[in-house]
N, C-alpha and C. Protein backbone atom coordinates (compact mmCIF):
# COMPACT_ATOMS: atom_id res chain seq x y z
N MET A 1 -151.41 0.40 83.22
CA MET A 1 -152.00 -0.51 82.24
C MET A 1 -153.46 -0.81 82.55
N ASN A 2 -154.03 -0.17 83.58
CA ASN A 2 -155.40 -0.46 83.95
C ASN A 2 -156.40 -0.15 82.84
N ASN A 3 -156.05 0.78 81.94
CA ASN A 3 -156.97 1.13 80.86
C ASN A 3 -157.08 0.03 79.81
N PHE A 4 -156.27 -1.03 79.93
CA PHE A 4 -156.38 -2.17 79.04
C PHE A 4 -157.22 -3.29 79.66
N SER A 5 -157.81 -3.04 80.80
CA SER A 5 -158.54 -4.09 81.51
C SER A 5 -159.89 -4.36 80.87
N ALA A 6 -160.45 -5.53 81.17
CA ALA A 6 -161.74 -5.94 80.61
C ALA A 6 -162.86 -5.00 81.01
N GLU A 7 -162.73 -4.33 82.15
CA GLU A 7 -163.78 -3.43 82.63
C GLU A 7 -163.98 -2.24 81.69
N LYS A 8 -163.01 -1.97 80.85
CA LYS A 8 -163.11 -0.84 79.93
C LYS A 8 -163.79 -1.20 78.62
N THR A 9 -164.23 -2.43 78.47
CA THR A 9 -164.77 -2.91 77.19
C THR A 9 -165.97 -2.09 76.73
N ASP A 10 -166.89 -1.77 77.62
CA ASP A 10 -168.09 -1.04 77.22
C ASP A 10 -167.75 0.29 76.57
N GLY A 11 -166.81 1.00 77.16
CA GLY A 11 -166.39 2.27 76.58
C GLY A 11 -165.74 2.09 75.23
N CYS A 12 -165.02 0.99 75.05
CA CYS A 12 -164.37 0.69 73.78
C CYS A 12 -165.41 0.46 72.69
N VAL A 13 -166.45 -0.28 73.00
CA VAL A 13 -167.52 -0.55 72.03
C VAL A 13 -168.20 0.75 71.62
N ALA A 14 -168.45 1.62 72.58
CA ALA A 14 -169.08 2.91 72.28
C ALA A 14 -168.19 3.75 71.38
N ALA A 15 -166.89 3.72 71.64
CA ALA A 15 -165.95 4.49 70.83
C ALA A 15 -165.92 3.97 69.39
N ILE A 16 -165.94 2.65 69.25
CA ILE A 16 -165.94 2.04 67.92
C ILE A 16 -167.19 2.47 67.16
N LYS A 17 -168.32 2.48 67.84
CA LYS A 17 -169.58 2.89 67.20
C LYS A 17 -169.51 4.34 66.73
N LYS A 18 -168.96 5.21 67.57
CA LYS A 18 -168.87 6.62 67.22
C LYS A 18 -167.96 6.84 66.02
N VAL A 19 -166.80 6.15 66.01
CA VAL A 19 -165.88 6.30 64.89
C VAL A 19 -166.51 5.76 63.61
N SER A 20 -167.23 4.65 63.71
CA SER A 20 -167.92 4.09 62.54
C SER A 20 -168.92 5.08 61.98
N GLU A 21 -169.64 5.75 62.85
CA GLU A 21 -170.62 6.76 62.41
C GLU A 21 -169.94 7.94 61.75
N GLU A 22 -168.79 8.34 62.29
CA GLU A 22 -168.02 9.45 61.69
C GLU A 22 -167.63 9.10 60.27
N ILE A 23 -167.12 7.90 60.07
CA ILE A 23 -166.66 7.48 58.75
C ILE A 23 -167.84 7.40 57.78
N ALA A 24 -168.96 6.88 58.24
CA ALA A 24 -170.14 6.77 57.38
C ALA A 24 -170.64 8.13 56.93
N ALA A 25 -170.38 9.15 57.73
CA ALA A 25 -170.88 10.50 57.42
C ALA A 25 -169.86 11.36 56.67
N LEU A 26 -168.71 10.79 56.32
CA LEU A 26 -167.69 11.58 55.62
C LEU A 26 -168.22 12.11 54.29
N PRO A 27 -167.83 13.32 53.92
CA PRO A 27 -168.29 13.88 52.64
C PRO A 27 -167.49 13.36 51.46
N GLU A 28 -168.06 13.46 50.29
CA GLU A 28 -167.30 13.23 49.07
C GLU A 28 -166.52 14.51 48.75
N MET A 29 -165.49 14.38 47.95
CA MET A 29 -164.70 15.54 47.52
C MET A 29 -164.65 15.57 46.01
N ARG A 30 -164.81 16.73 45.44
CA ARG A 30 -164.69 16.87 44.00
C ARG A 30 -163.22 17.01 43.63
N PHE A 31 -162.81 16.36 42.57
CA PHE A 31 -161.42 16.41 42.13
C PHE A 31 -160.98 17.86 41.88
N GLU A 32 -161.92 18.66 41.41
CA GLU A 32 -161.61 20.06 41.09
C GLU A 32 -161.21 20.86 42.33
N LYS A 33 -161.52 20.36 43.51
CA LYS A 33 -161.17 21.07 44.75
C LYS A 33 -159.72 20.85 45.17
N ILE A 34 -159.03 19.92 44.52
CA ILE A 34 -157.61 19.70 44.84
C ILE A 34 -156.81 20.85 44.24
N PRO A 35 -156.05 21.57 45.06
CA PRO A 35 -155.32 22.75 44.57
C PRO A 35 -154.30 22.39 43.49
N ARG A 36 -154.40 23.04 42.33
CA ARG A 36 -153.42 22.84 41.27
C ARG A 36 -152.12 23.55 41.64
N GLY A 37 -151.03 22.97 41.27
CA GLY A 37 -149.73 23.60 41.48
C GLY A 37 -149.14 23.41 42.86
N SER A 38 -149.93 22.86 43.80
CA SER A 38 -149.40 22.66 45.15
C SER A 38 -149.82 21.31 45.74
N SER A 39 -150.18 20.37 44.87
CA SER A 39 -150.68 19.07 45.35
C SER A 39 -149.94 17.92 44.68
N ALA A 40 -149.86 16.81 45.39
CA ALA A 40 -149.27 15.58 44.85
C ALA A 40 -150.11 14.39 45.30
N LEU A 41 -150.12 13.37 44.47
CA LEU A 41 -150.75 12.10 44.82
C LEU A 41 -149.66 11.14 45.28
N VAL A 42 -149.88 10.49 46.42
CA VAL A 42 -148.93 9.50 46.92
C VAL A 42 -149.63 8.14 46.96
N ILE A 43 -149.11 7.20 46.20
CA ILE A 43 -149.65 5.85 46.13
C ILE A 43 -148.76 4.94 46.98
N VAL A 44 -149.34 4.30 47.96
CA VAL A 44 -148.57 3.49 48.90
C VAL A 44 -148.81 1.99 48.67
N ASP A 45 -147.82 1.33 48.11
CA ASP A 45 -147.78 -0.14 48.06
C ASP A 45 -148.97 -0.82 47.38
N ILE A 46 -149.46 -0.23 46.32
CA ILE A 46 -150.48 -0.96 45.54
C ILE A 46 -149.72 -1.87 44.58
N VAL A 47 -149.15 -2.90 45.18
CA VAL A 47 -148.25 -3.83 44.48
C VAL A 47 -148.84 -5.24 44.52
N ASN A 48 -148.36 -6.07 43.62
CA ASN A 48 -148.87 -7.45 43.55
C ASN A 48 -148.69 -8.19 44.86
N GLY A 49 -147.59 -7.95 45.56
CA GLY A 49 -147.28 -8.70 46.77
C GLY A 49 -148.17 -8.43 47.96
N PHE A 50 -148.99 -7.38 47.89
CA PHE A 50 -149.95 -7.13 48.96
C PHE A 50 -151.39 -7.37 48.51
N ILE A 51 -151.55 -7.75 47.25
CA ILE A 51 -152.91 -7.92 46.74
C ILE A 51 -153.11 -9.26 46.03
N ARG A 52 -152.18 -9.66 45.18
CA ARG A 52 -152.45 -10.76 44.27
C ARG A 52 -151.57 -11.99 44.41
N GLU A 53 -150.44 -11.89 45.12
CA GLU A 53 -149.56 -13.06 45.26
C GLU A 53 -148.64 -12.88 46.45
N GLY A 54 -148.18 -14.00 46.97
CA GLY A 54 -147.19 -13.95 48.04
C GLY A 54 -147.77 -14.06 49.44
N ALA A 55 -146.87 -14.18 50.41
CA ALA A 55 -147.25 -14.43 51.81
C ALA A 55 -148.03 -13.29 52.45
N MET A 56 -147.87 -12.07 51.95
CA MET A 56 -148.54 -10.91 52.55
C MET A 56 -149.71 -10.40 51.73
N SER A 57 -150.12 -11.15 50.72
CA SER A 57 -151.18 -10.68 49.83
C SER A 57 -152.57 -10.89 50.43
N SER A 58 -153.49 -10.01 50.06
CA SER A 58 -154.88 -10.12 50.51
C SER A 58 -155.79 -9.60 49.41
N SER A 59 -156.66 -10.47 48.92
CA SER A 59 -157.58 -10.07 47.86
C SER A 59 -158.58 -9.01 48.33
N ASP A 60 -158.71 -8.85 49.65
CA ASP A 60 -159.61 -7.82 50.19
C ASP A 60 -159.18 -6.42 49.74
N ILE A 61 -157.90 -6.26 49.41
CA ILE A 61 -157.38 -4.95 49.05
C ILE A 61 -157.64 -4.61 47.59
N GLU A 62 -158.05 -5.60 46.81
CA GLU A 62 -158.28 -5.41 45.37
C GLU A 62 -159.24 -4.25 45.09
N ASN A 63 -160.20 -4.04 45.99
CA ASN A 63 -161.24 -3.03 45.72
C ASN A 63 -160.72 -1.60 45.68
N ILE A 64 -159.50 -1.34 46.17
CA ILE A 64 -159.01 0.03 46.13
C ILE A 64 -158.35 0.36 44.79
N ILE A 65 -158.14 -0.64 43.95
CA ILE A 65 -157.43 -0.39 42.70
C ILE A 65 -158.20 0.54 41.76
N PRO A 66 -159.49 0.26 41.43
CA PRO A 66 -160.18 1.15 40.48
C PRO A 66 -160.24 2.62 40.89
N PRO A 67 -160.64 2.96 42.15
CA PRO A 67 -160.67 4.38 42.50
C PRO A 67 -159.28 5.01 42.55
N SER A 68 -158.27 4.23 42.92
CA SER A 68 -156.90 4.76 42.95
C SER A 68 -156.40 5.02 41.53
N VAL A 69 -156.73 4.14 40.61
CA VAL A 69 -156.36 4.33 39.21
C VAL A 69 -157.04 5.59 38.66
N SER A 70 -158.31 5.79 39.00
CA SER A 70 -159.02 6.99 38.54
C SER A 70 -158.35 8.26 39.04
N LEU A 71 -157.91 8.24 40.30
CA LEU A 71 -157.20 9.41 40.84
C LEU A 71 -155.87 9.63 40.12
N ALA A 72 -155.16 8.54 39.87
CA ALA A 72 -153.88 8.66 39.16
C ALA A 72 -154.09 9.24 37.77
N GLU A 73 -155.14 8.81 37.10
CA GLU A 73 -155.45 9.35 35.77
C GLU A 73 -155.75 10.84 35.85
N GLY A 74 -156.48 11.24 36.89
CA GLY A 74 -156.81 12.65 37.07
C GLY A 74 -155.58 13.50 37.33
N PHE A 75 -154.71 13.02 38.22
CA PHE A 75 -153.49 13.76 38.52
C PHE A 75 -152.59 13.85 37.29
N LYS A 76 -152.49 12.76 36.55
CA LYS A 76 -151.65 12.78 35.35
C LYS A 76 -152.20 13.77 34.33
N SER A 77 -153.51 13.76 34.11
CA SER A 77 -154.12 14.67 33.15
C SER A 77 -153.93 16.12 33.56
N ALA A 78 -153.96 16.37 34.88
CA ALA A 78 -153.80 17.74 35.39
C ALA A 78 -152.33 18.13 35.53
N GLU A 79 -151.45 17.22 35.14
CA GLU A 79 -150.00 17.45 35.23
C GLU A 79 -149.56 17.78 36.66
N MET A 80 -150.16 17.07 37.61
CA MET A 80 -149.75 17.17 39.01
C MET A 80 -148.91 15.94 39.35
N PRO A 81 -147.90 16.09 40.20
CA PRO A 81 -146.97 14.98 40.46
C PRO A 81 -147.62 13.80 41.18
N ILE A 82 -147.10 12.63 40.85
CA ILE A 82 -147.53 11.37 41.48
C ILE A 82 -146.28 10.65 41.97
N VAL A 83 -146.30 10.24 43.23
CA VAL A 83 -145.24 9.40 43.79
C VAL A 83 -145.85 8.04 44.09
N ALA A 84 -145.21 6.99 43.63
CA ALA A 84 -145.71 5.63 43.89
C ALA A 84 -144.66 4.84 44.64
N PHE A 85 -144.97 4.46 45.87
CA PHE A 85 -144.09 3.60 46.65
C PHE A 85 -144.34 2.14 46.30
N ALA A 86 -143.25 1.38 46.21
CA ALA A 86 -143.36 -0.06 45.98
C ALA A 86 -142.46 -0.77 46.98
N ASP A 87 -143.05 -1.60 47.84
CA ASP A 87 -142.27 -2.37 48.81
C ASP A 87 -141.29 -3.26 48.06
N CYS A 88 -140.03 -3.24 48.48
CA CYS A 88 -139.01 -3.98 47.74
C CYS A 88 -137.87 -4.34 48.69
N HIS A 89 -137.62 -5.63 48.89
CA HIS A 89 -136.64 -6.07 49.88
C HIS A 89 -135.62 -7.04 49.30
N LYS A 90 -134.45 -7.04 49.92
CA LYS A 90 -133.44 -8.05 49.62
C LYS A 90 -133.65 -9.24 50.56
N LYS A 91 -133.13 -10.37 50.19
CA LYS A 91 -133.17 -11.55 51.05
C LYS A 91 -132.54 -11.24 52.41
N GLY A 92 -133.22 -11.67 53.47
CA GLY A 92 -132.68 -11.51 54.81
C GLY A 92 -132.76 -10.10 55.36
N CYS A 93 -133.59 -9.24 54.79
CA CYS A 93 -133.67 -7.86 55.28
C CYS A 93 -134.25 -7.83 56.70
N ALA A 94 -133.97 -6.76 57.43
CA ALA A 94 -134.35 -6.65 58.84
C ALA A 94 -135.85 -6.74 59.05
N GLU A 95 -136.64 -6.25 58.08
CA GLU A 95 -138.09 -6.26 58.25
C GLU A 95 -138.66 -7.67 58.37
N PHE A 96 -137.93 -8.65 57.83
CA PHE A 96 -138.43 -10.03 57.88
C PHE A 96 -138.34 -10.63 59.28
N ASN A 97 -137.79 -9.89 60.23
CA ASN A 97 -137.86 -10.30 61.63
C ASN A 97 -139.26 -10.07 62.20
N SER A 98 -140.02 -9.20 61.53
CA SER A 98 -141.37 -8.85 62.01
C SER A 98 -142.47 -9.36 61.09
N PHE A 99 -142.17 -9.51 59.80
CA PHE A 99 -143.16 -9.93 58.82
C PHE A 99 -142.61 -11.08 57.99
N PRO A 100 -143.50 -11.90 57.40
CA PRO A 100 -143.03 -12.96 56.51
C PRO A 100 -142.28 -12.38 55.31
N GLU A 101 -141.42 -13.18 54.70
CA GLU A 101 -140.71 -12.74 53.51
C GLU A 101 -141.70 -12.34 52.42
N HIS A 102 -141.49 -11.16 51.85
CA HIS A 102 -142.44 -10.65 50.85
C HIS A 102 -141.76 -9.63 49.96
N CYS A 103 -142.34 -9.39 48.79
CA CYS A 103 -141.93 -8.32 47.87
C CYS A 103 -140.42 -8.28 47.66
N LEU A 104 -139.84 -9.43 47.34
CA LEU A 104 -138.40 -9.48 47.08
C LEU A 104 -138.04 -8.73 45.80
N ASP A 105 -136.92 -8.04 45.85
CA ASP A 105 -136.42 -7.29 44.71
C ASP A 105 -136.29 -8.21 43.49
N GLY A 106 -136.77 -7.75 42.36
CA GLY A 106 -136.66 -8.53 41.13
C GLY A 106 -137.80 -9.49 40.89
N THR A 107 -138.75 -9.56 41.81
CA THR A 107 -139.91 -10.44 41.64
C THR A 107 -141.15 -9.61 41.30
N SER A 108 -142.17 -10.27 40.78
CA SER A 108 -143.40 -9.56 40.42
C SER A 108 -144.13 -9.05 41.66
N GLU A 109 -143.85 -9.62 42.84
CA GLU A 109 -144.50 -9.13 44.06
C GLU A 109 -144.16 -7.67 44.32
N SER A 110 -142.95 -7.25 43.97
CA SER A 110 -142.51 -5.89 44.27
C SER A 110 -142.91 -4.89 43.19
N GLU A 111 -143.71 -5.33 42.23
CA GLU A 111 -144.13 -4.45 41.13
C GLU A 111 -145.53 -3.87 41.39
N LEU A 112 -145.73 -2.64 40.96
CA LEU A 112 -147.06 -2.06 41.01
C LEU A 112 -148.01 -2.92 40.19
N VAL A 113 -149.30 -2.90 40.53
CA VAL A 113 -150.28 -3.66 39.77
C VAL A 113 -150.33 -3.12 38.34
N ASP A 114 -150.70 -3.96 37.41
CA ASP A 114 -150.68 -3.60 35.99
C ASP A 114 -151.56 -2.38 35.69
N GLU A 115 -152.66 -2.25 36.42
CA GLU A 115 -153.57 -1.13 36.16
C GLU A 115 -152.90 0.22 36.38
N LEU A 116 -152.06 0.31 37.40
CA LEU A 116 -151.33 1.56 37.65
C LEU A 116 -150.19 1.73 36.66
N LYS A 117 -149.53 0.64 36.31
CA LYS A 117 -148.47 0.72 35.32
C LYS A 117 -149.01 1.27 34.00
N ALA A 118 -150.24 0.88 33.66
CA ALA A 118 -150.85 1.34 32.41
C ALA A 118 -151.09 2.85 32.41
N VAL A 119 -151.35 3.41 33.59
CA VAL A 119 -151.55 4.86 33.70
C VAL A 119 -150.22 5.58 33.55
N GLY A 120 -149.21 5.13 34.29
CA GLY A 120 -147.89 5.74 34.23
C GLY A 120 -147.90 7.15 34.81
N GLY A 121 -146.88 7.91 34.49
CA GLY A 121 -146.82 9.30 34.93
C GLY A 121 -146.38 9.50 36.37
N TYR A 122 -145.88 8.45 37.00
CA TYR A 122 -145.50 8.53 38.41
C TYR A 122 -144.00 8.43 38.59
N THR A 123 -143.53 8.94 39.72
CA THR A 123 -142.16 8.71 40.16
C THR A 123 -142.16 7.50 41.07
N LEU A 124 -141.48 6.45 40.69
CA LEU A 124 -141.47 5.21 41.47
C LEU A 124 -140.37 5.28 42.52
N ILE A 125 -140.76 4.99 43.77
CA ILE A 125 -139.79 4.92 44.86
C ILE A 125 -139.91 3.55 45.52
N ARG A 126 -138.87 2.75 45.41
CA ARG A 126 -138.87 1.44 46.06
C ARG A 126 -138.48 1.64 47.52
N LYS A 127 -139.17 0.97 48.42
CA LYS A 127 -138.93 1.20 49.85
C LYS A 127 -138.59 -0.10 50.57
N ASN A 128 -137.73 0.02 51.57
CA ASN A 128 -137.23 -1.15 52.30
C ASN A 128 -137.78 -1.24 53.71
N SER A 129 -138.77 -0.42 54.03
CA SER A 129 -139.42 -0.52 55.34
C SER A 129 -140.90 -0.21 55.16
N THR A 130 -141.66 -0.38 56.23
CA THR A 130 -143.09 -0.08 56.15
C THR A 130 -143.35 1.40 55.93
N ASN A 131 -142.40 2.26 56.29
CA ASN A 131 -142.61 3.71 56.20
C ASN A 131 -141.80 4.33 55.08
N GLY A 132 -142.47 4.62 53.96
CA GLY A 132 -141.79 5.18 52.81
C GLY A 132 -141.23 6.57 53.03
N PHE A 133 -141.71 7.26 54.06
CA PHE A 133 -141.22 8.61 54.32
C PHE A 133 -139.71 8.62 54.53
N HIS A 134 -139.16 7.53 55.06
CA HIS A 134 -137.74 7.49 55.38
C HIS A 134 -136.84 7.27 54.17
N GLU A 135 -137.43 6.96 53.03
CA GLU A 135 -136.60 6.76 51.84
C GLU A 135 -136.01 8.10 51.39
N ARG A 136 -134.71 8.10 51.12
CA ARG A 136 -134.03 9.33 50.71
C ARG A 136 -134.67 9.95 49.48
N ALA A 137 -135.14 9.10 48.58
CA ALA A 137 -135.75 9.61 47.35
C ALA A 137 -137.00 10.43 47.64
N PHE A 138 -137.77 10.02 48.66
CA PHE A 138 -138.96 10.80 48.98
C PHE A 138 -138.59 12.11 49.66
N ARG A 139 -137.61 12.04 50.56
CA ARG A 139 -137.18 13.28 51.22
C ARG A 139 -136.66 14.27 50.17
N SER A 140 -135.96 13.77 49.17
CA SER A 140 -135.49 14.63 48.08
C SER A 140 -136.67 15.23 47.33
N PHE A 141 -137.70 14.42 47.13
CA PHE A 141 -138.89 14.90 46.40
C PHE A 141 -139.53 16.09 47.11
N ILE A 142 -139.72 16.00 48.43
CA ILE A 142 -140.38 17.11 49.11
C ILE A 142 -139.46 18.33 49.23
N GLU A 143 -138.15 18.09 49.31
CA GLU A 143 -137.20 19.20 49.38
C GLU A 143 -137.11 19.92 48.03
N GLU A 144 -137.24 19.16 46.94
CA GLU A 144 -137.15 19.75 45.60
C GLU A 144 -138.48 20.34 45.13
N ASN A 145 -139.55 20.07 45.88
CA ASN A 145 -140.87 20.60 45.52
C ASN A 145 -141.49 21.31 46.73
N PRO A 146 -140.88 22.40 47.18
CA PRO A 146 -141.36 23.10 48.38
C PRO A 146 -142.75 23.70 48.24
N ASN A 147 -143.23 23.79 46.99
CA ASN A 147 -144.57 24.34 46.75
C ASN A 147 -145.67 23.36 47.11
N ILE A 148 -145.34 22.07 47.21
CA ILE A 148 -146.37 21.07 47.47
C ILE A 148 -146.70 21.04 48.97
N GLU A 149 -147.94 21.31 49.27
CA GLU A 149 -148.39 21.29 50.67
C GLU A 149 -149.68 20.50 50.85
N THR A 150 -150.22 19.95 49.75
CA THR A 150 -151.38 19.08 49.82
C THR A 150 -151.00 17.72 49.26
N PHE A 151 -151.20 16.68 50.06
CA PHE A 151 -150.86 15.31 49.66
C PHE A 151 -152.11 14.45 49.74
N VAL A 152 -152.52 13.89 48.62
CA VAL A 152 -153.61 12.91 48.60
C VAL A 152 -152.95 11.55 48.69
N VAL A 153 -153.31 10.77 49.71
CA VAL A 153 -152.64 9.49 49.97
C VAL A 153 -153.62 8.34 49.79
N VAL A 154 -153.22 7.35 49.00
CA VAL A 154 -154.01 6.14 48.77
C VAL A 154 -153.12 4.93 48.95
N GLY A 155 -153.73 3.76 49.21
CA GLY A 155 -152.92 2.55 49.25
C GLY A 155 -153.20 1.63 50.42
N ASP A 156 -152.22 0.79 50.73
CA ASP A 156 -152.35 -0.20 51.77
C ASP A 156 -151.00 -0.40 52.46
N CYS A 157 -151.04 -0.93 53.67
CA CYS A 157 -152.22 -1.23 54.46
C CYS A 157 -152.56 -0.01 55.33
N THR A 158 -153.84 0.25 55.52
CA THR A 158 -154.28 1.44 56.22
C THR A 158 -153.58 1.62 57.56
N ASP A 159 -153.46 0.54 58.31
CA ASP A 159 -152.95 0.60 59.69
C ASP A 159 -151.45 0.41 59.80
N ILE A 160 -150.77 0.19 58.68
CA ILE A 160 -149.32 -0.02 58.74
C ILE A 160 -148.62 1.03 57.86
N CYS A 161 -148.47 0.75 56.59
CA CYS A 161 -147.69 1.63 55.72
C CYS A 161 -148.35 3.00 55.51
N VAL A 162 -149.67 3.02 55.34
CA VAL A 162 -150.36 4.30 55.14
C VAL A 162 -150.32 5.13 56.42
N LEU A 163 -150.64 4.50 57.54
CA LEU A 163 -150.62 5.19 58.84
C LEU A 163 -149.24 5.76 59.14
N GLN A 164 -148.22 4.95 59.01
CA GLN A 164 -146.87 5.40 59.35
C GLN A 164 -146.42 6.53 58.43
N PHE A 165 -146.71 6.41 57.15
CA PHE A 165 -146.30 7.46 56.21
C PHE A 165 -147.02 8.77 56.52
N CYS A 166 -148.32 8.72 56.72
CA CYS A 166 -149.09 9.95 56.95
C CYS A 166 -148.65 10.65 58.24
N LEU A 167 -148.45 9.89 59.30
CA LEU A 167 -148.04 10.51 60.57
C LEU A 167 -146.63 11.07 60.48
N ALA A 168 -145.73 10.37 59.79
CA ALA A 168 -144.37 10.89 59.62
C ALA A 168 -144.38 12.16 58.78
N LEU A 169 -145.16 12.16 57.71
CA LEU A 169 -145.25 13.34 56.85
C LEU A 169 -145.82 14.53 57.61
N LYS A 170 -146.91 14.29 58.34
CA LYS A 170 -147.56 15.38 59.08
C LYS A 170 -146.63 15.94 60.15
N THR A 171 -145.98 15.09 60.90
CA THR A 171 -145.12 15.58 61.98
C THR A 171 -143.86 16.26 61.44
N TYR A 172 -143.38 15.81 60.28
CA TYR A 172 -142.24 16.48 59.64
C TYR A 172 -142.60 17.93 59.31
N PHE A 173 -143.76 18.12 58.69
CA PHE A 173 -144.17 19.48 58.34
C PHE A 173 -144.46 20.31 59.59
N ASN A 174 -145.02 19.68 60.60
CA ASN A 174 -145.23 20.40 61.86
C ASN A 174 -143.90 20.87 62.44
N CYS A 175 -142.91 19.99 62.40
CA CYS A 175 -141.59 20.33 62.93
C CYS A 175 -140.98 21.51 62.19
N GLU A 176 -141.26 21.58 60.88
CA GLU A 176 -140.73 22.67 60.06
C GLU A 176 -141.63 23.90 60.09
N ASN A 177 -142.73 23.85 60.87
CA ASN A 177 -143.70 24.94 60.94
C ASN A 177 -144.25 25.31 59.57
N LYS A 178 -144.54 24.27 58.79
CA LYS A 178 -145.09 24.46 57.45
C LYS A 178 -146.47 23.82 57.36
N ARG A 179 -147.31 24.41 56.53
CA ARG A 179 -148.65 23.87 56.31
C ARG A 179 -148.56 22.55 55.55
N CYS A 180 -149.37 21.59 55.94
CA CYS A 180 -149.44 20.31 55.24
C CYS A 180 -150.87 19.76 55.35
N ASP A 181 -151.54 19.65 54.24
CA ASP A 181 -152.90 19.10 54.21
C ASP A 181 -152.82 17.70 53.61
N ILE A 182 -153.03 16.70 54.44
CA ILE A 182 -153.03 15.30 53.98
C ILE A 182 -154.48 14.84 53.86
N ILE A 183 -154.84 14.38 52.67
CA ILE A 183 -156.21 13.95 52.39
C ILE A 183 -156.20 12.46 52.06
N VAL A 184 -157.00 11.70 52.79
CA VAL A 184 -157.08 10.25 52.55
C VAL A 184 -158.53 9.89 52.21
N PRO A 185 -158.81 9.47 50.97
CA PRO A 185 -160.15 8.97 50.63
C PRO A 185 -160.30 7.53 51.12
N VAL A 186 -161.30 7.27 51.95
CA VAL A 186 -161.41 5.93 52.53
C VAL A 186 -161.71 4.86 51.48
N SER A 187 -162.23 5.27 50.33
CA SER A 187 -162.47 4.30 49.26
C SER A 187 -161.17 3.79 48.64
N CYS A 188 -160.07 4.45 48.96
CA CYS A 188 -158.78 4.13 48.33
C CYS A 188 -157.75 3.59 49.32
N VAL A 189 -158.17 3.21 50.52
CA VAL A 189 -157.26 2.58 51.48
C VAL A 189 -157.92 1.32 52.04
N GLU A 190 -157.09 0.34 52.36
CA GLU A 190 -157.62 -0.92 52.89
C GLU A 190 -156.50 -1.68 53.58
N THR A 191 -156.89 -2.63 54.44
CA THR A 191 -155.93 -3.52 55.09
C THR A 191 -156.41 -4.96 54.97
N TYR A 192 -155.61 -5.86 55.45
CA TYR A 192 -155.91 -7.28 55.31
C TYR A 192 -156.67 -7.81 56.52
N ASP A 193 -157.37 -8.92 56.33
CA ASP A 193 -158.13 -9.56 57.39
C ASP A 193 -157.42 -10.87 57.75
N ALA A 194 -157.16 -11.07 59.04
CA ALA A 194 -156.46 -12.28 59.50
C ALA A 194 -156.78 -12.48 60.97
N PRO A 195 -156.48 -13.65 61.53
CA PRO A 195 -156.68 -13.86 62.96
C PRO A 195 -155.94 -12.80 63.78
N TYR A 196 -156.63 -12.21 64.72
CA TYR A 196 -156.09 -11.15 65.58
C TYR A 196 -155.72 -9.88 64.81
N HIS A 197 -156.20 -9.81 63.57
CA HIS A 197 -156.02 -8.59 62.77
C HIS A 197 -157.30 -8.38 61.96
N ASN A 198 -158.35 -7.98 62.68
CA ASN A 198 -159.63 -7.75 62.03
C ASN A 198 -159.55 -6.48 61.19
N ALA A 199 -159.79 -6.61 59.90
CA ALA A 199 -159.61 -5.48 58.98
C ALA A 199 -160.51 -4.31 59.33
N ALA A 200 -161.76 -4.59 59.66
CA ALA A 200 -162.69 -3.51 59.98
C ALA A 200 -162.22 -2.72 61.20
N PHE A 201 -161.80 -3.44 62.23
CA PHE A 201 -161.33 -2.78 63.45
C PHE A 201 -160.05 -1.99 63.19
N MET A 202 -159.10 -2.59 62.46
CA MET A 202 -157.83 -1.92 62.20
C MET A 202 -158.02 -0.67 61.34
N ASN A 203 -158.95 -0.72 60.40
CA ASN A 203 -159.26 0.47 59.61
C ASN A 203 -159.80 1.59 60.50
N LEU A 204 -160.69 1.23 61.42
CA LEU A 204 -161.25 2.22 62.34
C LEU A 204 -160.16 2.82 63.22
N ALA A 205 -159.30 1.97 63.77
CA ALA A 205 -158.24 2.45 64.65
C ALA A 205 -157.28 3.36 63.90
N ALA A 206 -156.92 2.98 62.66
CA ALA A 206 -156.02 3.80 61.86
C ALA A 206 -156.65 5.15 61.54
N TYR A 207 -157.93 5.12 61.19
CA TYR A 207 -158.65 6.38 60.93
C TYR A 207 -158.60 7.29 62.14
N LYS A 208 -158.88 6.76 63.30
CA LYS A 208 -158.92 7.57 64.52
C LYS A 208 -157.54 8.15 64.83
N LEU A 209 -156.50 7.33 64.76
CA LEU A 209 -155.15 7.80 65.05
C LEU A 209 -154.71 8.90 64.08
N MET A 210 -155.00 8.71 62.81
CA MET A 210 -154.59 9.71 61.82
C MET A 210 -155.42 10.99 61.92
N SER A 211 -156.72 10.84 62.05
CA SER A 211 -157.57 12.04 62.10
C SER A 211 -157.28 12.87 63.34
N ASP A 212 -156.94 12.23 64.45
CA ASP A 212 -156.58 12.97 65.67
C ASP A 212 -155.31 13.79 65.47
N CYS A 213 -154.49 13.39 64.51
CA CYS A 213 -153.23 14.11 64.25
C CYS A 213 -153.35 15.09 63.08
N GLY A 214 -154.57 15.29 62.60
CA GLY A 214 -154.79 16.31 61.58
C GLY A 214 -154.86 15.81 60.15
N VAL A 215 -154.85 14.50 59.95
CA VAL A 215 -155.05 13.96 58.62
C VAL A 215 -156.53 14.06 58.27
N ARG A 216 -156.84 14.53 57.07
CA ARG A 216 -158.22 14.77 56.67
C ARG A 216 -158.74 13.60 55.84
N PHE A 217 -159.89 13.07 56.21
CA PHE A 217 -160.49 11.96 55.49
C PHE A 217 -161.72 12.41 54.72
N VAL A 218 -161.92 11.82 53.56
CA VAL A 218 -163.14 12.02 52.77
C VAL A 218 -163.64 10.64 52.33
N LYS A 219 -164.90 10.60 51.93
CA LYS A 219 -165.45 9.31 51.49
C LYS A 219 -164.76 8.84 50.23
N ASN A 220 -164.68 9.71 49.26
CA ASN A 220 -163.99 9.44 48.00
C ASN A 220 -163.71 10.77 47.30
N ILE A 221 -162.99 10.71 46.21
CA ILE A 221 -162.70 11.90 45.40
C ILE A 221 -163.15 11.58 43.98
N ARG A 222 -164.09 12.36 43.48
CA ARG A 222 -164.64 12.11 42.13
C ARG A 222 -164.37 13.30 41.22
């Protein structure tokens, strides 16, 4: 545990600076570069309960809605599949041992934001944990669509649900010895700001963990 000592602080600051510079230098991606016929958009938890109401909501995440909606519109127009995860829990679920009660089934918290509902064209998967990859419906989706090897992932929170989903997806494909290109536009992911959970730091840490495992980041997709 010596690497967690205060003496390592200087190196930590330098690492944060380097990662920040990497993110600032990320390229934009043209929508036309997304491979047709082998790509899917995955929307993670852009729901009212993480943005607009409830114990886990954060207005800081609101800014990812417009670019995520634009991507959803593009995928729908191109007739490429869209999967939308929505956090949805029953009273007393196991996750509430770690997080405050949120996104209860049948409440508006567990619903996608109205802007995404207006676009439509997605397969909705309600999830009972932070990691949507474990939902049987998603596993069925990738098994029934073996041609899909590029996943554009947007949503929240960068360091929890997005991170866990991307790493699970990447390692699953690695285990199967299959190609998997995961693309995350930083303009379309965000986390919340709270005591001992600095959003800027957590975004940087999530970026570093994912990029080290082969997840590809871009500034945005236009």
